[in-house]
Amino acid sequence: MSLPIGYYFKALISWMDDVFSPLWDFLSEAIYWMVTSLEGIFGIVPPMVLIVIFALIAWRVAGNKVAVFTIIAFLLILGMDLWRPTMQTLSLVIVSTVIALGIGIPLGIWASRNERLNMVLRPLLDFMQTLPAFVYLIPAITFFTIGRVPGVISTVIFAMPPAIRLTNLGIRQVAEDVVEAAIAFGSTPNQLLFKVQLPLALPTIMAGVNQSIMLALSMVVIASMVGAPGLGEGVLTGITQYKLDVGFEAGLAVVLLAMFLDRVTEALGKRKNN
């Protein structure tokens, strides 16, 4: 006797596709507009100007060494003629991360203050983090066909758990005596949250932001399988057509972009801690 879990999952996805079709259409248009608008901005600005902007951001946040690395990394990407797909990937990562953090951080705050929600979220987040990344593409294709939008949706789901977990953890780790002192001095729940708990939890929250960005970058590469543009197309071409040069260059560009994003967000978290 077999248990037809897959059949029921398929029925659920079909039902959701039919019932929530207007919602999927709205989300598709909104996300497509956000991604293509950001791509358009990156496309209008000359590459050398963007490299200077990225280097200035890195210098301001992370220091001279990261700024020099940023210049070298993006010049290398430009030299490999991968600037456009890199900006497409960066656009997908930015939009996906903003959405994931916009949902994940408030959920993490709510879970830190509501034990029932925390108990519900824990197994759900375990499931989301252990489910193979490729599986997220299946319902995304059903709801949003192929292209940028399913790539963003699957990336949001994949990148959201660290933001929820580490926001929840950071607030719960705030010392009890600090919380009690704030309450004793007459802090309201909102004052306690925004003036005491969130500032003290910020380093842990920033660690979640960093992890979400890294997961988003890894997922948008996988999302090339459903037509999401960017560096993932080069990696996929290298795998499917055995073009080692194309695959290696695209993979190297992914690594350089990941290192830039990682160093900047990590340094930002340390600055907030200080």
Protein backbone atom coordinates (compact mmCIF):
# COMPACT_ATOMS: atom_id res chain seq x y z
CA MET A 1 0.00 0.00 0.00
CA SER A 2 1.46 3.34 -1.06
CA LEU A 3 0.70 6.74 0.41
CA PRO A 4 -0.07 9.17 -2.45
CA ILE A 5 1.34 12.30 -0.79
CA GLY A 6 2.51 13.62 -4.15
CA TYR A 7 -1.02 13.33 -5.55
CA TYR A 8 -2.46 15.43 -2.71
CA PHE A 9 0.34 17.98 -3.09
CA LYS A 10 -0.45 18.27 -6.79
CA ALA A 11 -4.16 18.70 -6.01
CA LEU A 12 -3.37 21.40 -3.44
CA ILE A 13 -1.16 23.33 -5.89
CA SER A 14 -3.82 23.09 -8.61
CA TRP A 15 -6.48 24.33 -6.19
CA MET A 16 -4.31 27.26 -5.09
CA ASP A 17 -3.56 28.11 -8.71
CA ASP A 18 -7.26 28.30 -9.52
CA VAL A 19 -8.51 30.03 -6.38
CA PHE A 20 -5.74 32.59 -5.96
CA SER A 21 -5.15 33.31 -9.64
CA PRO A 22 -5.78 37.11 -9.28
CA LEU A 23 -3.25 37.25 -6.43
CA TRP A 24 -0.62 35.42 -8.48
CA ASP A 25 -1.23 37.81 -11.40
CA PHE A 26 -0.82 40.85 -9.14
CA LEU A 27 2.35 39.49 -7.55
CA SER A 28 3.74 38.58 -10.95
CA GLU A 29 3.25 42.09 -12.33
CA ALA A 30 4.60 43.79 -9.20
CA ILE A 31 7.71 41.63 -8.92
CA TYR A 32 8.42 41.79 -12.65
CA TRP A 33 8.20 45.59 -12.50
CA MET A 34 10.57 45.79 -9.52
CA VAL A 35 13.20 43.52 -11.06
CA THR A 36 13.11 45.03 -14.53
CA SER A 37 13.15 48.58 -13.11
CA LEU A 38 16.27 47.80 -11.11
CA GLU A 39 17.85 46.12 -14.12
CA GLY A 40 17.03 49.24 -16.14
CA ILE A 41 18.75 51.47 -13.59
CA PHE A 42 21.86 49.29 -13.60
CA GLY A 43 21.72 49.25 -17.40
CA ILE A 44 21.54 53.03 -17.77
CA VAL A 45 24.45 53.83 -15.44
CA PRO A 46 27.86 53.22 -17.11
CA PRO A 47 29.73 50.23 -15.65
CA MET A 48 32.72 52.32 -14.50
CA VAL A 49 30.41 54.66 -12.59
CA LEU A 50 28.73 51.70 -10.88
CA ILE A 51 32.12 50.23 -10.00
CA VAL A 52 33.09 53.51 -8.33
CA ILE A 53 29.76 53.57 -6.46
CA PHE A 54 30.19 49.97 -5.28
CA ALA A 55 33.78 50.72 -4.21
CA LEU A 56 32.69 53.80 -2.28
CA ILE A 57 30.02 51.77 -0.49
CA ALA A 58 32.59 49.10 0.35
CA TRP A 59 35.11 51.72 1.56
CA ARG A 60 32.56 53.52 3.69
CA VAL A 61 31.24 50.33 5.28
CA ALA A 62 34.14 47.86 5.27
CA GLY A 63 37.35 49.83 4.73
CA ASN A 64 40.13 50.21 2.18
CA LYS A 65 40.93 46.53 1.59
CA VAL A 66 37.35 45.62 0.69
CA ALA A 67 37.09 48.70 -1.52
CA VAL A 68 40.21 47.66 -3.47
CA PHE A 69 38.87 44.12 -3.76
CA THR A 70 35.54 45.51 -5.02
CA ILE A 71 37.25 47.47 -7.80
CA ILE A 72 39.34 44.47 -8.87
CA ALA A 73 36.39 42.06 -8.70
CA PHE A 74 34.02 44.16 -10.78
CA LEU A 75 36.73 45.09 -13.29
CA LEU A 76 37.36 41.37 -13.71
CA ILE A 77 33.65 40.76 -14.24
CA LEU A 78 33.59 43.58 -16.79
CA GLY A 79 36.64 42.14 -18.51
CA MET A 80 34.97 38.73 -18.82
CA ASP A 81 32.05 40.46 -20.59
CA LEU A 82 29.66 39.36 -17.84
CA TRP A 83 28.57 42.78 -16.64
CA ARG A 84 24.96 42.57 -17.85
CA PRO A 85 24.21 39.09 -16.43
CA THR A 86 25.93 40.12 -13.19
CA MET A 87 23.65 43.14 -12.87
CA GLN A 88 20.64 40.93 -13.67
CA THR A 89 21.68 38.55 -10.90
CA LEU A 90 22.28 41.44 -8.51
CA SER A 91 18.81 42.83 -9.31
CA LEU A 92 17.20 39.47 -8.53
CA VAL A 93 19.19 39.17 -5.30
CA ILE A 94 18.28 42.68 -4.13
CA VAL A 95 14.55 42.33 -4.85
CA SER A 96 14.39 38.82 -3.36
CA THR A 97 16.32 39.83 -0.25
CA VAL A 98 14.23 42.95 0.37
CA ILE A 99 11.02 40.91 0.14
CA ALA A 100 12.44 38.09 2.28
CA LEU A 101 13.61 40.52 4.97
CA GLY A 102 10.39 42.53 4.76
CA ILE A 103 8.47 39.38 5.66
CA GLY A 104 11.06 37.53 7.74
CA ILE A 105 12.14 40.22 10.22
CA PRO A 106 8.57 41.16 11.30
CA LEU A 107 7.74 37.45 11.61
CA GLY A 108 10.85 36.96 13.74
CA ILE A 109 9.84 39.86 15.98
CA TRP A 110 6.32 38.46 16.30
CA ALA A 111 7.63 34.96 17.07
CA SER A 112 9.89 36.35 19.81
CA ARG A 113 6.84 37.80 21.54
CA ASN A 114 4.38 34.99 20.85
CA GLU A 115 5.34 31.49 21.99
CA ARG A 116 2.52 29.80 20.06
CA LEU A 117 3.66 31.33 16.79
CA ASN A 118 7.23 30.35 17.64
CA MET A 119 6.20 26.73 18.12
CA VAL A 120 4.36 26.74 14.78
CA LEU A 121 7.22 28.39 12.90
CA ARG A 122 10.02 26.13 14.19
CA PRO A 123 9.04 22.95 12.30
CA LEU A 124 7.96 25.01 9.30
CA LEU A 125 11.37 26.70 9.14
CA ASP A 126 13.09 23.33 9.57
CA PHE A 127 11.11 22.07 6.59
CA MET A 128 11.92 25.15 4.51
CA GLN A 129 15.65 24.92 5.24
CA THR A 130 16.02 21.20 4.60
CA LEU A 131 13.82 20.93 1.49
CA PRO A 132 16.03 20.71 -1.63
CA ALA A 133 16.26 24.08 -3.36
CA PHE A 134 15.11 22.64 -6.69
CA VAL A 135 11.74 21.63 -5.18
CA TYR A 136 10.80 25.29 -4.65
CA LEU A 137 10.82 25.76 -8.41
CA ILE A 138 7.91 23.33 -8.93
CA PRO A 139 5.04 25.38 -7.40
CA ALA A 140 6.68 28.61 -8.57
CA ILE A 141 6.45 27.45 -12.19
CA THR A 142 2.80 26.46 -11.67
CA PHE A 143 1.80 29.85 -10.28
CA PHE A 144 4.06 32.14 -12.33
CA THR A 145 5.12 30.13 -15.45
CA ILE A 146 8.80 30.83 -16.24
CA GLY A 147 11.13 33.81 -16.09
CA ARG A 148 12.18 36.29 -13.41
CA VAL A 149 9.10 36.05 -11.20
CA PRO A 150 9.24 32.34 -10.25
CA GLY A 151 12.96 32.82 -9.66
CA VAL A 152 12.27 35.64 -7.21
CA ILE A 153 9.43 33.80 -5.43
CA SER A 154 11.44 30.61 -4.94
CA THR A 155 14.43 32.68 -3.80
CA VAL A 156 12.31 34.58 -1.25
CA ILE A 157 11.05 31.34 0.30
CA PHE A 158 14.53 29.83 0.32
CA ALA A 159 16.23 32.92 1.82
CA MET A 160 13.60 33.82 4.44
CA PRO A 161 14.29 31.29 7.28
CA PRO A 162 17.60 32.81 8.52
CA ALA A 163 15.98 36.24 8.83
CA ILE A 164 13.12 34.80 10.91
CA ARG A 165 15.30 32.56 13.07
CA LEU A 166 18.05 35.04 13.87
CA THR A 167 15.65 37.94 14.51
CA ASN A 168 13.72 35.73 16.92
CA LEU A 169 16.94 34.50 18.52
CA GLY A 170 18.49 37.96 18.82
CA ILE A 171 15.49 39.42 20.65
CA ARG A 172 15.17 36.40 22.95
CA GLN A 173 18.87 36.67 23.87
CA VAL A 174 18.51 40.21 25.22
CA ALA A 175 19.34 39.99 28.92
CA GLU A 176 16.34 39.67 31.20
CA ASP A 177 17.66 42.26 33.65
CA VAL A 178 17.88 44.83 30.84
CA VAL A 179 14.29 44.14 29.83
CA GLU A 180 13.13 44.28 33.45
CA ALA A 181 14.95 47.57 33.98
CA ALA A 182 13.31 49.11 30.90
CA ILE A 183 9.88 47.97 32.10
CA ALA A 184 10.59 49.30 35.58
CA PHE A 185 11.36 52.71 34.10
CA GLY A 186 7.94 52.73 32.42
CA SER A 187 8.72 51.58 28.88
CA THR A 188 5.71 50.64 26.80
CA PRO A 189 5.90 47.38 24.78
CA ASN A 190 6.74 49.33 21.61
CA GLN A 191 9.40 51.40 23.39
CA LEU A 192 10.86 48.22 24.84
CA LEU A 193 11.03 46.66 21.40
CA PHE A 194 12.37 49.58 19.37
CA LYS A 195 14.61 51.26 21.95
CA VAL A 196 15.96 48.27 23.87
CA GLN A 197 15.48 44.86 22.29
CA LEU A 198 16.03 45.63 18.59
CA PRO A 199 19.19 47.74 19.12
CA LEU A 200 20.73 45.04 21.32
CA ALA A 201 19.65 42.28 18.93
CA LEU A 202 20.89 44.12 15.83
CA PRO A 203 24.19 42.21 15.43
CA THR A 204 22.33 38.89 15.40
CA ILE A 205 19.69 40.29 13.04
CA MET A 206 22.43 41.51 10.68
CA ALA A 207 23.91 38.01 10.71
CA GLY A 208 20.51 36.80 9.50
CA VAL A 209 20.51 39.48 6.80
CA ASN A 210 23.94 38.30 5.66
CA GLN A 211 22.82 34.67 5.50
CA SER A 212 19.65 35.59 3.62
CA ILE A 213 21.67 37.47 0.99
CA MET A 214 24.02 34.51 0.52
CA LEU A 215 21.13 32.06 0.20
CA ALA A 216 19.38 34.40 -2.23
CA LEU A 217 22.48 34.52 -4.42
CA SER A 218 22.80 30.75 -4.45
CA MET A 219 19.13 30.32 -5.28
CA VAL A 220 18.95 32.82 -8.16
CA VAL A 221 21.66 30.76 -9.87
CA ILE A 222 19.51 27.65 -9.49
CA ALA A 223 16.50 29.67 -10.67
CA SER A 224 18.10 29.90 -14.12
CA MET A 225 16.52 26.48 -14.66
CA VAL A 226 13.13 28.21 -14.84
CA GLY A 227 14.29 31.01 -17.10
CA ALA A 228 15.58 33.58 -14.60
CA PRO A 229 18.27 35.62 -16.39
CA GLY A 230 21.72 36.30 -15.04
CA LEU A 231 24.89 34.43 -14.23
CA GLY A 232 22.95 31.24 -13.63
CA GLU A 233 22.40 30.97 -17.38
CA GLY A 234 26.15 30.72 -17.91
CA VAL A 235 26.51 28.09 -15.19
CA LEU A 236 23.61 26.11 -16.65
CA THR A 237 25.11 26.37 -20.15
CA GLY A 238 28.42 25.09 -18.84
CA ILE A 239 26.68 22.07 -17.30
CA THR A 240 24.23 21.16 -20.06
CA GLN A 241 26.45 21.92 -23.06
CA TYR A 242 29.79 21.06 -21.47
CA LYS A 243 31.18 24.53 -22.12
CA LEU A 244 33.78 24.60 -19.37
CA ASP A 245 34.99 28.12 -20.16
CA VAL A 246 31.50 29.64 -20.03
CA GLY A 247 30.57 27.79 -16.86
CA PHE A 248 33.82 28.64 -15.08
CA GLU A 249 33.64 32.36 -15.90
CA ALA A 250 30.01 32.58 -14.77
CA GLY A 251 30.83 30.66 -11.59
CA LEU A 252 33.79 32.95 -10.89
CA ALA A 253 31.56 36.02 -11.33
CA VAL A 254 29.08 34.51 -8.84
CA VAL A 255 31.90 34.00 -6.31
CA LEU A 256 33.17 37.58 -6.73
CA LEU A 257 29.68 39.02 -6.34
CA ALA A 258 29.05 36.83 -3.29
CA MET A 259 32.32 37.94 -1.66
CA PHE A 260 31.45 41.60 -2.24
CA LEU A 261 27.98 41.24 -0.74
CA ASP A 262 29.26 39.11 2.15
CA ARG A 263 32.08 41.48 3.14
CA VAL A 264 29.88 44.56 2.98
CA THR A 265 26.97 43.12 4.97
CA GLU A 266 29.31 41.49 7.50
CA ALA A 267 31.12 44.80 8.06
CA LEU A 268 27.80 46.61 8.33
CA GLY A 269 26.76 44.24 11.11
CA LYS A 270 30.02 44.90 12.99
CA ARG A 271 29.59 48.67 12.62
CA LYS A 272 26.07 48.43 14.06
CA ASN A 273 27.47 46.34 16.93
CA ASN A 274 30.04 49.00 17.75
